[in-house]
């Protein structure tokens, strides 16, 4: 897998207008890692709070909730 990918990027906290579709280069995984193609994903309230710049749960807590 080479070339570019589509990604939604957030330029800064605030309204939905701060989101934009971009085509960054596909990152190369480090040795021992794998890269997977994502066909779809879901959003939850945590992502909404991140977009708005509000504090959210710690990363480790969020990871435990999703794992």
Protein backbone atom coordinates (compact mmCIF):
# COMPACT_ATOMS: atom_id res chain seq x y z
CA UNK A 1 0.00 0.00 0.00
CA UNK A 2 1.68 3.20 -1.13
CA UNK A 3 0.53 6.60 -2.24
CA UNK A 4 -1.99 8.60 -0.28
CA UNK A 5 -5.02 7.97 1.89
CA UNK A 6 -8.09 9.98 2.76
CA UNK A 7 -8.29 11.38 6.28
CA UNK A 8 -10.49 13.84 8.13
CA UNK A 9 -8.26 16.39 9.86
CA UNK A 10 -9.15 18.88 12.56
CA UNK A 11 -7.46 22.27 12.15
CA UNK A 12 -8.41 23.38 15.68
CA UNK A 13 -11.19 23.08 18.23
CA UNK A 14 -14.51 24.58 17.26
CA UNK A 15 -17.27 24.17 14.70
CA UNK A 16 -17.58 21.42 12.13
CA UNK A 17 -16.08 23.81 9.56
CA UNK A 18 -12.70 23.11 11.22
CA UNK A 19 -12.87 19.58 9.80
CA UNK A 20 -11.53 18.94 6.31
CA UNK A 21 -10.87 15.90 4.14
CA UNK A 22 -7.17 15.62 3.28
CA UNK A 23 -4.99 13.12 1.41
CA UNK A 24 -1.82 12.68 3.48
CA UNK A 25 0.85 10.13 2.49
CA UNK A 26 0.31 6.59 3.76
CA UNK A 27 2.54 6.12 6.83
CA UNK A 28 5.01 3.24 6.85
CA UNK A 29 4.67 1.03 9.94
CA UNK A 30 7.78 0.47 12.04
CA UNK A 31 9.31 -3.04 12.15
CA UNK A 32 7.01 -5.49 13.94
CA UNK A 33 3.89 -3.39 13.34
CA UNK A 34 1.20 -3.85 10.70
CA UNK A 35 -0.94 -1.41 8.75
CA UNK A 36 -4.63 -2.15 8.18
CA UNK A 37 -7.08 -0.64 5.73
CA UNK A 38 -10.09 0.90 7.49
CA UNK A 39 -13.36 0.75 5.59
CA UNK A 40 -15.57 2.47 8.17
CA UNK A 41 -15.41 3.83 11.70
CA UNK A 42 -17.74 5.18 14.35
CA UNK A 43 -17.65 8.35 16.41
CA UNK A 44 -18.75 8.75 19.99
CA UNK A 45 -19.24 11.63 22.39
CA UNK A 46 -15.52 11.65 23.27
CA UNK A 47 -14.64 12.65 19.68
CA UNK A 48 -17.28 15.39 19.80
CA UNK A 49 -15.73 16.81 22.98
CA UNK A 50 -12.26 16.64 21.39
CA UNK A 51 -13.51 18.55 18.33
CA UNK A 52 -15.01 21.22 20.58
CA UNK A 53 -11.81 21.49 22.65
CA UNK A 54 -13.43 20.25 25.86
CA UNK A 55 -11.51 18.14 28.37
CA UNK A 56 -12.14 14.39 28.10
CA UNK A 57 -11.22 11.30 30.08
CA UNK A 58 -7.58 10.36 30.27
CA UNK A 59 -6.17 8.36 27.38
CA UNK A 60 -5.70 5.24 29.49
CA UNK A 61 -9.30 5.37 30.68
CA UNK A 62 -10.59 5.88 27.13
CA UNK A 63 -8.47 2.95 25.94
CA UNK A 64 -9.86 0.65 28.65
CA UNK A 65 -13.40 1.63 27.63
CA UNK A 66 -12.74 0.77 23.97
CA UNK A 67 -10.55 -2.33 24.33
